[in-house]
Amino acid sequence: MAKKSSRLQFGLVCTVCNKQNYVVEKNKINTTEALKLMKYCNKCKKHTEHKEKKKLD
């Protein structure tokens, strides 16, 4: 039987064009606030801030 993990999957959405570019995992116990990362966006063709979307199933 599989263990219940404390890690959750989230999508990262570009704040400029609202395109979901990345899927990441985070530990819900250690990281309680929403993620904000500078990542490359294919649509914008530059590094922009990406925010955490919602939990993926």
Protein backbone atom coordinates (compact mmCIF):
# COMPACT_ATOMS: atom_id res chain seq x y z
CA MET A 1 0.00 0.00 0.00
CA ALA A 2 1.31 3.45 -0.93
CA LYS A 3 2.20 6.03 1.69
CA LYS A 4 0.28 9.28 1.88
CA SER A 5 2.71 11.92 0.78
CA SER A 6 3.02 15.43 2.14
CA ARG A 7 3.93 16.67 -1.34
CA LEU A 8 1.33 18.25 -3.64
CA GLN A 9 1.47 19.05 -7.37
CA PHE A 10 0.71 22.58 -8.56
CA GLY A 11 0.74 24.37 -11.89
CA LEU A 12 2.76 27.57 -12.37
CA VAL A 13 0.96 30.25 -14.39
CA CYS A 14 2.64 33.24 -16.06
CA THR A 15 1.42 36.52 -14.54
CA VAL A 16 1.73 38.36 -17.89
CA CYS A 17 -0.10 36.05 -20.33
CA ASN A 18 -1.80 33.59 -17.89
CA LYS A 19 -0.42 30.50 -19.65
CA GLN A 20 0.39 27.46 -17.50
CA ASN A 21 3.98 26.52 -18.35
CA TYR A 22 5.23 24.35 -15.49
CA VAL A 23 4.06 21.67 -13.05
CA VAL A 24 5.93 21.53 -9.73
CA GLU A 25 5.69 19.74 -6.41
CA LYS A 26 5.92 21.37 -3.01
CA ASN A 27 5.88 20.09 0.54
CA LYS A 28 2.64 21.32 2.15
CA ILE A 29 4.13 21.12 5.67
CA ASN A 30 7.33 23.12 5.08
CA THR A 31 6.02 25.56 2.44
CA THR A 32 2.65 26.94 3.45
CA GLU A 33 2.63 30.15 1.36
CA ALA A 34 2.00 30.26 -2.41
CA LEU A 35 4.99 29.89 -4.73
CA LYS A 36 6.21 32.84 -6.85
CA LEU A 37 9.13 32.02 -9.14
CA MET A 38 10.89 33.74 -12.03
CA LYS A 39 10.65 31.24 -14.91
CA TYR A 40 10.88 31.37 -18.71
CA CYS A 41 7.58 31.73 -20.58
CA ASN A 42 7.41 30.32 -24.14
CA LYS A 43 4.59 32.63 -25.17
CA CYS A 44 6.18 35.85 -23.82
CA LYS A 45 9.70 34.75 -24.87
CA LYS A 46 11.26 36.10 -21.65
CA HIS A 47 11.61 35.44 -17.93
CA THR A 48 8.47 36.44 -16.06
CA GLU A 49 7.02 35.81 -12.62
CA HIS A 50 4.99 32.63 -12.36
CA LYS A 51 2.47 32.08 -9.56
CA GLU A 52 1.05 28.90 -8.14
CA LYS A 53 -2.28 27.92 -9.67
CA LYS A 54 -4.23 25.17 -7.91
CA LYS A 55 -3.67 21.60 -6.85
CA LEU A 56 -3.62 19.09 -9.71
CA ASP A 57 -5.17 15.67 -9.30
